Amino acid sequence: MANFRLRTHRYDDLTNWEIEQYLKTNDIIVVPVGNCETHAALPVDCEFVAVQGYAQLIAERVGGLFLPNLVYFNPGGTQIGRGTIHVSMAQSYSYCKAIAHSLLNQGFKRQIWIPSHVPTTDFLLAMVTDFFDETKVPLLYMDVNAYLSNLGLRPKMRFDSSAPPQPPTTRAGEPVDVFNDTMLGAYLLAGRLDAVPAKGEVDFPEAEQPEGFLPNWFPEYRLLGSCSSFMAAPAPYYYTHPDEHIGPPIARFTREELQKRAEIGLTYLRQSLEEAKLEELMAALRHLQDYMAQTVAKHYDHLPKNRYSAASPFYIPCTEA
């Protein structure tokens, strides 16, 4: 239908009829994958809300849909917090792969999977790799922080407080705390900023600020952590106290200050993604999928086989250029 327009980019707010109309001209879906864990004075779903914010803004920019509510997955070392929900790596992997298969069968060929943090990164990378072997369809694993850093659109994430970088700014020159302000901006985008406690609203205990973001109870951790990039845990561990995960449980901002920080964070998110070559990225994924179809046709006989290969869902019609 030439005059069909999406009311919203959020998948579960659409009717089935609208989704089927969308699939006649587009096949993009952005899937944020989160976790539910202790996180200082922030709600336990904050890392999921952050990546859902990215997913919504990306979907809006490329005319796609985003799939909400994938919250409960492996949390890593924060299991010592009784607010943390734990799902194993194997269960997390299997659940995400089942959703990816369903989405492909429905017609969503270009899937962009966004991890919230380690270990979400780990099982999603394994999932998209095995999914490709099974279906011959490349999905896109997109660590948004790494992507924007690699494009020079934001500073690389650092967890060494000895030499903090100069904070980035919005185009209006307002300094941005990339971690906290953008997370608050995502809550604002989701209409849930009231879920973040303001100063004095919760009777949090006093606590000392840990040194940096990495555990300070194990002197050799930085050496062990050097075996992998960013925040990965090449030698798995548990925190010893919830305060060690991103600071003590003390709300710093008044309600007015939270609103201001969230507005700055959301502005920064929007401005970063405006320059992120997202349309080119979606075209590149289409090109890769088409090229892989040709490669598979040439070498199919000795590529990995399984129950999906005989009737591969690779060729899904889509009229979008």
C-alpha atoms as a PDB file:
ATOM      1  CA  MET A   1       0.000   0.000   0.000  1.00  0.00           C
ATOM      2  CA  ALA A   2       1.631   3.199  -1.216  1.00  0.00           C
ATOM      3  CA  ASN A   3       0.070   5.386   1.484  1.00  0.00           C
ATOM      4  CA  PHE A   4       0.869   3.110   4.420  1.00  0.00           C
ATOM      5  CA  ARG A   5       2.679   4.923   7.242  1.00  0.00           C
ATOM      6  CA  LEU A   6       3.901   3.497  10.523  1.00  0.00           C
ATOM      7  CA  ARG A   7       2.171   4.912  13.596  1.00  0.00           C
ATOM      8  CA  THR A   8       5.148   3.904  15.702  1.00  0.00           C
ATOM      9  CA  HIS A   9       8.461   2.094  15.308  1.00  0.00           C
ATOM     10  CA  ARG A  10       7.849  -0.029  18.409  1.00  0.00           C
ATOM     11  CA  TYR A  11       7.014  -3.571  17.318  1.00  0.00           C
ATOM     12  CA  ASP A  12       4.564  -4.535  20.065  1.00  0.00           C
ATOM     13  CA  ASP A  13       2.515  -1.346  19.683  1.00  0.00           C
ATOM     14  CA  LEU A  14       1.631  -2.321  16.098  1.00  0.00           C
ATOM     15  CA  THR A  15      -1.194  -4.550  14.943  1.00  0.00           C
ATOM     16  CA  ASN A  16      -0.434  -7.659  12.921  1.00  0.00           C
ATOM     17  CA  TRP A  17      -1.911  -5.979   9.821  1.00  0.00           C
ATOM     18  CA  GLU A  18       0.496  -3.041  10.197  1.00  0.00           C
ATOM     19  CA  ILE A  19       3.506  -5.350  10.610  1.00  0.00           C
ATOM     20  CA  GLU A  20       2.522  -7.274   7.487  1.00  0.00           C
ATOM     21  CA  GLN A  21       2.180  -4.029   5.522  1.00  0.00           C
ATOM     22  CA  TYR A  22       5.606  -2.919   6.784  1.00  0.00           C
ATOM     23  CA  LEU A  23       7.174  -6.198   5.651  1.00  0.00           C
ATOM     24  CA  LYS A  24       6.012  -5.587   2.094  1.00  0.00           C
ATOM     25  CA  THR A  25       8.564  -2.782   1.741  1.00  0.00           C
ATOM     26  CA  ASN A  26      11.122  -3.200   4.538  1.00  0.00           C
ATOM     27  CA  ASP A  27      12.793  -5.951   6.557  1.00  0.00           C
ATOM     28  CA  ILE A  28      14.770  -4.123   9.288  1.00  0.00           C
ATOM     29  CA  ILE A  29      14.294  -4.879  12.972  1.00  0.00           C
ATOM     30  CA  VAL A  30      16.532  -3.656  15.798  1.00  0.00           C
ATOM     31  CA  VAL A  31      16.730  -5.946  18.827  1.00  0.00           C
ATOM     32  CA  PRO A  32      18.198  -4.592  22.088  1.00  0.00           C
ATOM     33  CA  VAL A  33      19.241  -7.275  24.588  1.00  0.00           C
ATOM     34  CA  GLY A  34      19.541  -6.303  28.225  1.00  0.00           C
ATOM     35  CA  ASN A  35      19.904  -7.568  31.729  1.00  0.00           C
ATOM     36  CA  CYS A  36      18.416  -6.913  35.149  1.00  0.00           C
ATOM     37  CA  GLU A  37      21.043  -6.296  37.826  1.00  0.00           C
ATOM     38  CA  THR A  38      22.152  -4.240  40.806  1.00  0.00           C
ATOM     39  CA  HIS A  39      23.322  -0.865  39.540  1.00  0.00           C
ATOM     40  CA  ALA A  40      23.931   1.637  42.340  1.00  0.00           C
ATOM     41  CA  ALA A  41      21.146   4.237  42.562  1.00  0.00           C
ATOM     42  CA  LEU A  42      19.694   3.340  39.163  1.00  0.00           C
ATOM     43  CA  PRO A  43      16.777   0.954  38.534  1.00  0.00           C
ATOM     44  CA  VAL A  44      17.847  -2.638  37.946  1.00  0.00           C
ATOM     45  CA  ASP A  45      16.836  -2.529  34.259  1.00  0.00           C
ATOM     46  CA  CYS A  46      18.930   0.551  33.469  1.00  0.00           C
ATOM     47  CA  GLU A  47      21.355  -1.119  31.060  1.00  0.00           C
ATOM     48  CA  PHE A  48      18.456  -2.547  29.070  1.00  0.00           C
ATOM     49  CA  VAL A  49      16.691   0.826  28.971  1.00  0.00           C
ATOM     50  CA  ALA A  50      19.918   2.366  27.649  1.00  0.00           C
ATOM     51  CA  VAL A  51      20.195  -0.007  24.676  1.00  0.00           C
ATOM     52  CA  GLN A  52      16.457   0.152  24.032  1.00  0.00           C
ATOM     53  CA  GLY A  53      16.912   3.908  23.673  1.00  0.00           C
ATOM     54  CA  TYR A  54      19.569   3.331  21.034  1.00  0.00           C
ATOM     55  CA  ALA A  55      17.349   0.780  19.303  1.00  0.00           C
ATOM     56  CA  GLN A  56      14.390   3.160  19.153  1.00  0.00           C
ATOM     57  CA  LEU A  57      16.439   6.052  17.777  1.00  0.00           C
ATOM     58  CA  ILE A  58      18.152   3.811  15.208  1.00  0.00           C
ATOM     59  CA  ALA A  59      14.829   2.337  14.082  1.00  0.00           C
ATOM     60  CA  GLU A  60      13.371   5.819  13.682  1.00  0.00           C
ATOM     61  CA  ARG A  61      16.325   6.975  11.579  1.00  0.00           C
ATOM     62  CA  VAL A  62      16.320   3.979   9.204  1.00  0.00           C
ATOM     63  CA  GLY A  63      12.558   3.514   8.993  1.00  0.00           C
ATOM     64  CA  GLY A  64      12.658   0.167  10.783  1.00  0.00           C
ATOM     65  CA  LEU A  65      11.070  -1.418  13.834  1.00  0.00           C
ATOM     66  CA  PHE A  66      12.555  -2.165  17.247  1.00  0.00           C
ATOM     67  CA  LEU A  67      11.662  -5.125  19.446  1.00  0.00           C
ATOM     68  CA  PRO A  68      11.329  -4.237  23.156  1.00  0.00           C
ATOM     69  CA  ASN A  69      11.273  -6.227  26.397  1.00  0.00           C
ATOM     70  CA  LEU A  70      14.286  -8.549  26.026  1.00  0.00           C
ATOM     71  CA  VAL A  71      15.424  -7.795  29.573  1.00  0.00           C
ATOM     72  CA  TYR A  72      16.348 -10.940  31.519  1.00  0.00           C
ATOM     73  CA  PHE A  73      19.666 -12.502  30.524  1.00  0.00           C
ATOM     74  CA  ASN A  74      23.038 -13.390  32.002  1.00  0.00           C
ATOM     75  CA  PRO A  75      24.183 -10.519  34.273  1.00  0.00           C
ATOM     76  CA  GLY A  76      27.771 -11.542  35.007  1.00  0.00           C
ATOM     77  CA  GLY A  77      29.374 -10.792  38.370  1.00  0.00           C
ATOM     78  CA  THR A  78      26.493  -8.811  39.865  1.00  0.00           C
ATOM     79  CA  GLN A  79      24.628 -11.911  41.017  1.00  0.00           C
ATOM     80  CA  ILE A  80      25.622 -11.039  44.590  1.00  0.00           C
ATOM     81  CA  GLY A  81      22.900  -8.366  44.486  1.00  0.00           C
ATOM     82  CA  ARG A  82      19.523  -9.875  45.371  1.00  0.00           C
ATOM     83  CA  GLY A  83      17.860  -7.604  42.825  1.00  0.00           C
ATOM     84  CA  THR A  84      19.880  -9.250  40.037  1.00  0.00           C
ATOM     85  CA  ILE A  85      18.097 -11.863  37.898  1.00  0.00           C
ATOM     86  CA  HIS A  86      20.359 -14.639  36.664  1.00  0.00           C
ATOM     87  CA  VAL A  87      19.872 -16.591  33.442  1.00  0.00           C
ATOM     88  CA  SER A  88      22.685 -18.830  32.223  1.00  0.00           C
ATOM     89  CA  MET A  89      24.757 -18.035  29.146  1.00  0.00           C
ATOM     90  CA  ALA A  90      23.404 -21.130  27.367  1.00  0.00           C
ATOM     91  CA  GLN A  91      19.786 -20.194  28.104  1.00  0.00           C
ATOM     92  CA  SER A  92      20.416 -16.587  27.034  1.00  0.00           C
ATOM     93  CA  TYR A  93      21.988 -17.766  23.776  1.00  0.00           C
ATOM     94  CA  SER A  94      19.203 -20.233  23.008  1.00  0.00           C
ATOM     95  CA  TYR A  95      16.389 -17.779  23.706  1.00  0.00           C
ATOM     96  CA  CYS A  96      17.897 -15.080  21.500  1.00  0.00           C
ATOM     97  CA  LYS A  97      18.515 -17.557  18.693  1.00  0.00           C
ATOM     98  CA  ALA A  98      14.935 -18.790  18.851  1.00  0.00           C
ATOM     99  CA  ILE A  99      13.716 -15.201  18.486  1.00  0.00           C
ATOM    100  CA  ALA A 100      16.127 -14.582  15.603  1.00  0.00           C
ATOM    101  CA  HIS A 101      14.779 -17.651  13.778  1.00  0.00           C
ATOM    102  CA  SER A 102      11.197 -16.542  14.318  1.00  0.00           C
ATOM    103  CA  LEU A 103      11.929 -13.034  13.073  1.00  0.00           C
ATOM    104  CA  LEU A 104      13.630 -14.380   9.945  1.00  0.00           C
ATOM    105  CA  ASN A 105      10.722 -16.717   9.198  1.00  0.00           C
ATOM    106  CA  GLN A 106       8.350 -13.769   9.621  1.00  0.00           C
ATOM    107  CA  GLY A 107      10.312 -11.781   7.039  1.00  0.00           C
ATOM    108  CA  PHE A 108      12.777  -9.706   9.079  1.00  0.00           C
ATOM    109  CA  LYS A 109      15.942 -10.444   7.163  1.00  0.00           C
ATOM    110  CA  ARG A 110      18.029  -7.476   8.326  1.00  0.00           C
ATOM    111  CA  GLN A 111      18.275  -7.940  12.074  1.00  0.00           C
ATOM    112  CA  ILE A 112      20.450  -5.633  14.197  1.00  0.00           C
ATOM    113  CA  TRP A 113      21.194  -7.102  17.632  1.00  0.00           C
ATOM    114  CA  ILE A 114      22.434  -4.622  20.246  1.00  0.00           C
ATOM    115  CA  PRO A 115      24.083  -5.879  23.472  1.00  0.00           C
ATOM    116  CA  SER A 116      23.759  -3.982  26.727  1.00  0.00           C
ATOM    117  CA  HIS A 117      27.057  -5.017  28.359  1.00  0.00           C
ATOM    118  CA  VAL A 118      29.335  -7.947  29.043  1.00  0.00           C
ATOM    119  CA  PRO A 119      28.367 -10.807  29.095  1.00  0.00           C
ATOM    120  CA  THR A 120      25.493  -9.923  26.730  1.00  0.00           C
ATOM    121  CA  THR A 121      28.205  -9.245  24.168  1.00  0.00           C
ATOM    122  CA  ASP A 122      29.580 -12.759  24.519  1.00  0.00           C
ATOM    123  CA  PHE A 123      26.481 -14.870  23.948  1.00  0.00           C
ATOM    124  CA  LEU A 124      25.174 -12.566  21.203  1.00  0.00           C
ATOM    125  CA  LEU A 125      28.398 -12.886  19.209  1.00  0.00           C
ATOM    126  CA  ALA A 126      28.144 -16.658  19.481  1.00  0.00           C
ATOM    127  CA  MET A 127      24.463 -16.524  18.530  1.00  0.00           C
ATOM    128  CA  VAL A 128      24.889 -14.493  15.331  1.00  0.00           C
ATOM    129  CA  THR A 129      27.801 -16.711  14.266  1.00  0.00           C
ATOM    130  CA  ASP A 130      25.898 -19.974  14.727  1.00  0.00           C
ATOM    131  CA  PHE A 131      22.752 -18.428  13.229  1.00  0.00           C
ATOM    132  CA  PHE A 132      24.706 -17.656  10.061  1.00  0.00           C
ATOM    133  CA  ASP A 133      25.901 -21.259   9.795  1.00  0.00           C
ATOM    134  CA  GLU A 134      22.335 -22.483  10.206  1.00  0.00           C
ATOM    135  CA  THR A 135      20.543 -20.098   7.868  1.00  0.00           C
ATOM    136  CA  LYS A 136      23.303 -18.531   5.727  1.00  0.00           C
ATOM    137  CA  VAL A 137      21.826 -15.129   6.706  1.00  0.00           C
ATOM    138  CA  PRO A 138      24.304 -12.673   8.266  1.00  0.00           C
ATOM    139  CA  LEU A 139      22.775 -10.738  11.163  1.00  0.00           C
ATOM    140  CA  LEU A 140      24.431  -7.586  12.489  1.00  0.00           C
ATOM    141  CA  TYR A 141      25.866  -7.541  16.000  1.00  0.00           C
ATOM    142  CA  MET A 142      26.127  -3.839  16.873  1.00  0.00           C
ATOM    143  CA  ASP A 143      27.909  -2.645  20.001  1.00  0.00           C
ATOM    144  CA  VAL A 144      26.724   0.958  19.703  1.00  0.00           C
ATOM    145  CA  ASN A 145      29.327   2.403  22.071  1.00  0.00           C
ATOM    146  CA  ALA A 146      32.143   0.731  20.135  1.00  0.00           C
ATOM    147  CA  TYR A 147      30.607   1.705  16.780  1.00  0.00           C
ATOM    148  CA  LEU A 148      30.283   5.392  17.669  1.00  0.00           C
ATOM    149  CA  SER A 149      33.774   5.401  19.182  1.00  0.00           C
ATOM    150  CA  ASN A 150      35.263   3.797  16.070  1.00  0.00           C
ATOM    151  CA  LEU A 151      33.619   6.483  13.924  1.00  0.00           C
ATOM    152  CA  GLY A 152      35.115   9.181  16.160  1.00  0.00           C
ATOM    153  CA  LEU A 153      31.672  10.342  17.290  1.00  0.00           C
ATOM    154  CA  ARG A 154      32.370   9.822  20.988  1.00  0.00           C
ATOM    155  CA  PRO A 155      35.395   9.085  23.169  1.00  0.00           C
ATOM    156  CA  LYS A 156      36.298   5.470  23.778  1.00  0.00           C
ATOM    157  CA  MET A 157      34.974   4.073  27.037  1.00  0.00           C
ATOM    158  CA  ARG A 158      37.644   4.275  29.747  1.00  0.00           C
ATOM    159  CA  PHE A 159      37.698   2.706  33.164  1.00  0.00           C
ATOM    160  CA  ASP A 160      40.947   4.240  34.371  1.00  0.00           C
ATOM    161  CA  SER A 161      40.199   7.178  36.639  1.00  0.00           C
ATOM    162  CA  SER A 162      43.869   8.222  36.753  1.00  0.00           C
ATOM    163  CA  ALA A 163      43.625  10.087  33.444  1.00  0.00           C
ATOM    164  CA  PRO A 164      39.980  10.919  32.683  1.00  0.00           C
ATOM    165  CA  PRO A 165      39.428  12.242  29.145  1.00  0.00           C
ATOM    166  CA  GLN A 166      37.872  15.606  28.390  1.00  0.00           C
ATOM    167  CA  PRO A 167      34.095  15.076  28.448  1.00  0.00           C
ATOM    168  CA  PRO A 168      32.320  15.413  25.104  1.00  0.00           C
ATOM    169  CA  THR A 169      29.721  18.096  24.567  1.00  0.00           C
ATOM    170  CA  THR A 170      26.468  18.595  22.720  1.00  0.00           C
ATOM    171  CA  ARG A 171      26.494  20.949  19.751  1.00  0.00           C
ATOM    172  CA  ALA A 172      25.350  23.658  22.154  1.00  0.00           C
ATOM    173  CA  GLY A 173      28.527  23.108  24.183  1.00  0.00           C
ATOM    174  CA  GLU A 174      26.947  21.353  27.173  1.00  0.00           C
ATOM    175  CA  PRO A 175      29.306  18.777  28.768  1.00  0.00           C
ATOM    176  CA  VAL A 176      27.989  15.212  28.649  1.00  0.00           C
ATOM    177  CA  ASP A 177      28.608  12.308  31.004  1.00  0.00           C
ATOM    178  CA  VAL A 178      28.436   9.650  28.267  1.00  0.00           C
ATOM    179  CA  PHE A 179      27.560   6.806  30.629  1.00  0.00           C
ATOM    180  CA  ASN A 180      25.097   8.415  33.030  1.00  0.00           C
ATOM    181  CA  ASP A 181      23.515  11.213  30.980  1.00  0.00           C
ATOM    182  CA  THR A 182      22.752   8.993  27.998  1.00  0.00           C
ATOM    183  CA  MET A 183      21.226   6.381  30.300  1.00  0.00           C
ATOM    184  CA  LEU A 184      19.005   9.060  31.847  1.00  0.00           C
ATOM    185  CA  GLY A 185      18.175  10.231  28.322  1.00  0.00           C
ATOM    186  CA  ALA A 186      17.028   6.707  27.459  1.00  0.00           C
ATOM    187  CA  TYR A 187      14.699   6.692  30.484  1.00  0.00           C
ATOM    188  CA  LEU A 188      13.327  10.043  29.337  1.00  0.00           C
ATOM    189  CA  LEU A 189      12.780   8.641  25.827  1.00  0.00           C
ATOM    190  CA  ALA A 190      10.962   5.647  27.323  1.00  0.00           C
ATOM    191  CA  GLY A 191       8.733   7.939  29.413  1.00  0.00           C
ATOM    192  CA  ARG A 192      10.151   6.420  32.598  1.00  0.00           C
ATOM    193  CA  LEU A 193      12.438   9.071  34.074  1.00  0.00           C
ATOM    194  CA  ASP A 194      10.345   8.984  37.247  1.00  0.00           C
ATOM    195  CA  ALA A 195      11.660   5.442  37.831  1.00  0.00           C
ATOM    196  CA  VAL A 196      15.117   6.882  38.573  1.00  0.00           C
ATOM    197  CA  PRO A 197      15.240   7.975  42.242  1.00  0.00           C
ATOM    198  CA  ALA A 198      16.168  11.589  42.867  1.00  0.00           C
ATOM    199  CA  LYS A 199      18.175  12.869  45.801  1.00  0.00           C
ATOM    200  CA  GLY A 200      16.321  12.298  49.077  1.00  0.00           C
ATOM    201  CA  GLU A 201      13.577  10.097  47.607  1.00  0.00           C
ATOM    202  CA  VAL A 202      15.110   6.841  48.852  1.00  0.00           C
ATOM    203  CA  ASP A 203      16.831   6.368  52.200  1.00  0.00           C
ATOM    204  CA  PHE A 204      20.022   4.933  50.712  1.00  0.00           C
ATOM    205  CA  PRO A 205      22.855   4.015  53.080  1.00  0.00           C
ATOM    206  CA  GLU A 206      26.071   5.989  52.994  1.00  0.00           C
ATOM    207  CA  ALA A 207      28.900   4.232  51.167  1.00  0.00           C
ATOM    208  CA  GLU A 208      32.426   4.982  50.072  1.00  0.00           C
ATOM    209  CA  GLN A 209      33.061   5.518  46.393  1.00  0.00           C
ATOM    210  CA  PRO A 210      35.015   2.549  45.001  1.00  0.00           C
ATOM    211  CA  GLU A 211      38.186   3.346  43.077  1.00  0.00           C
ATOM    212  CA  GLY A 212      37.176   3.334  39.440  1.00  0.00           C
ATOM    213  CA  PHE A 213      34.824   0.832  37.845  1.00  0.00           C
ATOM    214  CA  LEU A 214      36.818  -2.382  38.135  1.00  0.00           C
ATOM    215  CA  PRO A 215      36.896  -4.502  41.280  1.00  0.00           C
ATOM    216  CA  ASN A 216      39.415  -3.109  43.764  1.00  0.00           C
ATOM    217  CA  TRP A 217      39.474  -6.228  45.938  1.00  0.00           C
ATOM    218  CA  PHE A 218      41.750  -8.214  43.639  1.00  0.00           C
ATOM    219  CA  PRO A 219      45.005  -6.447  42.787  1.00  0.00           C
ATOM    220  CA  GLU A 220      45.745  -8.552  39.705  1.00  0.00           C
ATOM    221  CA  TYR A 221      42.363  -8.064  38.063  1.00  0.00           C
ATOM    222  CA  ARG A 222      43.600  -5.439  35.624  1.00  0.00           C
ATOM    223  CA  LEU A 223      46.249  -7.890  34.382  1.00  0.00           C
ATOM    224  CA  LEU A 224      43.664 -10.650  33.961  1.00  0.00           C
ATOM    225  CA  GLY A 225      41.302  -8.206  32.299  1.00  0.00           C
ATOM    226  CA  SER A 226      43.977  -7.308  29.746  1.00  0.00           C
ATOM    227  CA  CYS A 227      43.311 -10.655  28.085  1.00  0.00           C
ATOM    228  CA  SER A 228      40.157  -9.215  26.511  1.00  0.00           C
ATOM    229  CA  SER A 229      38.922  -5.849  25.300  1.00  0.00           C
ATOM    230  CA  PHE A 230      36.646  -3.312  26.948  1.00  0.00           C
ATOM    231  CA  MET A 231      34.705  -4.680  29.975  1.00  0.00           C
ATOM    232  CA  ALA A 232      34.937  -8.395  29.228  1.00  0.00           C
ATOM    233  CA  ALA A 233      35.621 -10.856  32.024  1.00  0.00           C
ATOM    234  CA  PRO A 234      38.151 -13.349  30.598  1.00  0.00           C
ATOM    235  CA  ALA A 235      38.394 -14.830  34.099  1.00  0.00           C
ATOM    236  CA  PRO A 236      34.805 -14.775  35.451  1.00  0.00           C
ATOM    237  CA  TYR A 237      34.210 -13.330  38.897  1.00  0.00           C
ATOM    238  CA  TYR A 238      31.560 -12.124  41.327  1.00  0.00           C
ATOM    239  CA  TYR A 239      31.611  -8.721  42.951  1.00  0.00           C
ATOM    240  CA  THR A 240      31.895  -8.882  46.727  1.00  0.00           C
ATOM    241  CA  HIS A 241      29.421  -6.063  47.388  1.00  0.00           C
ATOM    242  CA  PRO A 242      26.786  -4.362  45.200  1.00  0.00           C
ATOM    243  CA  ASP A 243      28.499  -0.981  45.715  1.00  0.00           C
ATOM    244  CA  GLU A 244      31.401  -2.176  43.591  1.00  0.00           C
ATOM    245  CA  HIS A 245      29.280  -2.153  40.451  1.00  0.00           C
ATOM    246  CA  ILE A 246      29.295   1.425  39.104  1.00  0.00           C
ATOM    247  CA  GLY A 247      29.451   3.305  42.375  1.00  0.00           C
ATOM    248  CA  PRO A 248      27.635   3.499  45.702  1.00  0.00           C
ATOM    249  CA  PRO A 249      23.836   3.552  46.057  1.00  0.00           C
ATOM    250  CA  ILE A 250      23.446   7.289  46.601  1.00  0.00           C
ATOM    251  CA  ALA A 251      21.186   9.370  44.353  1.00  0.00           C
ATOM    252  CA  ARG A 252      23.137  12.533  43.470  1.00  0.00           C
ATOM    253  CA  PHE A 253      20.626  14.651  41.544  1.00  0.00           C
ATOM    254  CA  THR A 254      17.440  16.458  42.479  1.00  0.00           C
ATOM    255  CA  ARG A 255      14.384  15.755  40.338  1.00  0.00           C
ATOM    256  CA  GLU A 256      15.034  18.993  38.400  1.00  0.00           C
ATOM    257  CA  GLU A 257      18.679  18.083  37.879  1.00  0.00           C
ATOM    258  CA  LEU A 258      17.721  14.600  36.671  1.00  0.00           C
ATOM    259  CA  GLN A 259      15.416  16.160  34.088  1.00  0.00           C
ATOM    260  CA  LYS A 260      18.172  18.484  32.888  1.00  0.00           C
ATOM    261  CA  ARG A 261      20.796  15.707  32.694  1.00  0.00           C
ATOM    262  CA  ALA A 262      18.328  13.456  30.840  1.00  0.00           C
ATOM    263  CA  GLU A 263      17.544  16.167  28.287  1.00  0.00           C
ATOM    264  CA  ILE A 264      21.263  16.721  27.664  1.00  0.00           C
ATOM    265  CA  GLY A 265      21.829  12.964  27.359  1.00  0.00           C
ATOM    266  CA  LEU A 266      18.973  12.473  24.909  1.00  0.00           C
ATOM    267  CA  THR A 267      20.160  15.400  22.797  1.00  0.00           C
ATOM    268  CA  TYR A 268      23.634  13.891  22.700  1.00  0.00           C
ATOM    269  CA  LEU A 269      22.225  10.488  21.704  1.00  0.00           C
ATOM    270  CA  ARG A 270      20.237  11.996  18.849  1.00  0.00           C
ATOM    271  CA  GLN A 271      23.152  14.099  17.619  1.00  0.00           C
ATOM    272  CA  SER A 272      25.564  11.150  17.705  1.00  0.00           C
ATOM    273  CA  LEU A 273      23.244   8.920  15.709  1.00  0.00           C
ATOM    274  CA  GLU A 274      22.585  11.638  13.125  1.00  0.00           C
ATOM    275  CA  GLU A 275      26.234  11.267  12.042  1.00  0.00           C
ATOM    276  CA  ALA A 276      26.490   7.505  12.459  1.00  0.00           C
ATOM    277  CA  LYS A 277      26.043   6.499   8.783  1.00  0.00           C
ATOM    278  CA  LEU A 278      23.074   4.330   9.726  1.00  0.00           C
ATOM    279  CA  GLU A 279      21.507   4.297   6.268  1.00  0.00           C
ATOM    280  CA  GLU A 280      24.862   3.228   4.818  1.00  0.00           C
ATOM    281  CA  LEU A 281      25.113   0.552   7.499  1.00  0.00           C
ATOM    282  CA  MET A 282      21.720  -0.907   6.559  1.00  0.00           C
ATOM    283  CA  ALA A 283      22.695  -0.881   2.872  1.00  0.00           C
ATOM    284  CA  ALA A 284      25.982  -2.606   3.727  1.00  0.00           C
ATOM    285  CA  LEU A 285      24.117  -5.351   5.590  1.00  0.00           C
ATOM    286  CA  ARG A 286      21.863  -5.881   2.554  1.00  0.00           C
ATOM    287  CA  HIS A 287      24.940  -6.044   0.313  1.00  0.00           C
ATOM    288  CA  LEU A 288      26.617  -8.589   2.607  1.00  0.00           C
ATOM    289  CA  GLN A 289      23.514 -10.778   2.675  1.00  0.00           C
ATOM    290  CA  ASP A 290      23.198 -10.721  -1.113  1.00  0.00           C
ATOM    291  CA  TYR A 291      26.901 -11.481  -1.538  1.00  0.00           C
ATOM    292  CA  MET A 292      26.687 -14.362   0.911  1.00  0.00           C
ATOM    293  CA  ALA A 293      23.753 -15.790  -1.052  1.00  0.00           C
ATOM    294  CA  GLN A 294      26.008 -15.957  -4.096  1.00  0.00           C
ATOM    295  CA  THR A 295      28.867 -17.438  -2.093  1.00  0.00           C
ATOM    296  CA  VAL A 296      26.640 -20.089  -0.513  1.00  0.00           C
ATOM    297  CA  ALA A 297      25.303 -21.065  -3.954  1.00  0.00           C
ATOM    298  CA  LYS A 298      28.879 -21.716  -5.115  1.00  0.00           C
ATOM    299  CA  HIS A 299      30.103 -23.639  -2.080  1.00  0.00           C
ATOM    300  CA  TYR A 300      26.935 -25.051  -0.510  1.00  0.00           C
ATOM    301  CA  ASP A 301      27.945 -28.722  -0.681  1.00  0.00           C
ATOM    302  CA  HIS A 302      30.620 -28.482   2.003  1.00  0.00           C
ATOM    303  CA  LEU A 303      29.238 -25.669   4.188  1.00  0.00           C
ATOM    304  CA  PRO A 304      27.764 -26.502   7.626  1.00  0.00           C
ATOM    305  CA  LYS A 305      24.467 -28.369   7.376  1.00  0.00           C
ATOM    306  CA  ASN A 306      21.594 -28.771   9.774  1.00  0.00           C
ATOM    307  CA  ARG A 307      17.803 -28.990   9.765  1.00  0.00           C
ATOM    308  CA  TYR A 308      17.449 -25.405   8.517  1.00  0.00           C
ATOM    309  CA  SER A 309      19.593 -25.892   5.422  1.00  0.00           C
ATOM    310  CA  ALA A 310      17.274 -28.048   3.299  1.00  0.00           C
ATOM    311  CA  ALA A 311      14.628 -25.316   3.129  1.00  0.00           C
ATOM    312  CA  SER A 312      16.779 -22.296   3.811  1.00  0.00           C
ATOM    313  CA  PRO A 313      14.774 -19.148   4.560  1.00  0.00           C
ATOM    314  CA  PHE A 314      17.559 -17.088   3.014  1.00  0.00           C
ATOM    315  CA  TYR A 315      15.605 -15.813   0.039  1.00  0.00           C
ATOM    316  CA  ILE A 316      12.905 -13.712   1.590  1.00  0.00           C
ATOM    317  CA  PRO A 317      11.310 -11.303  -0.890  1.00  0.00           C
ATOM    318  CA  CYS A 318      11.689  -7.620  -0.097  1.00  0.00           C
ATOM    319  CA  THR A 319      11.012  -4.801  -2.541  1.00  0.00           C
ATOM    320  CA  GLU A 320      13.242  -2.255  -0.804  1.00  0.00           C
ATOM    321  CA  ALA A 321      16.286  -1.242  -2.794  1.00  0.00           C
END
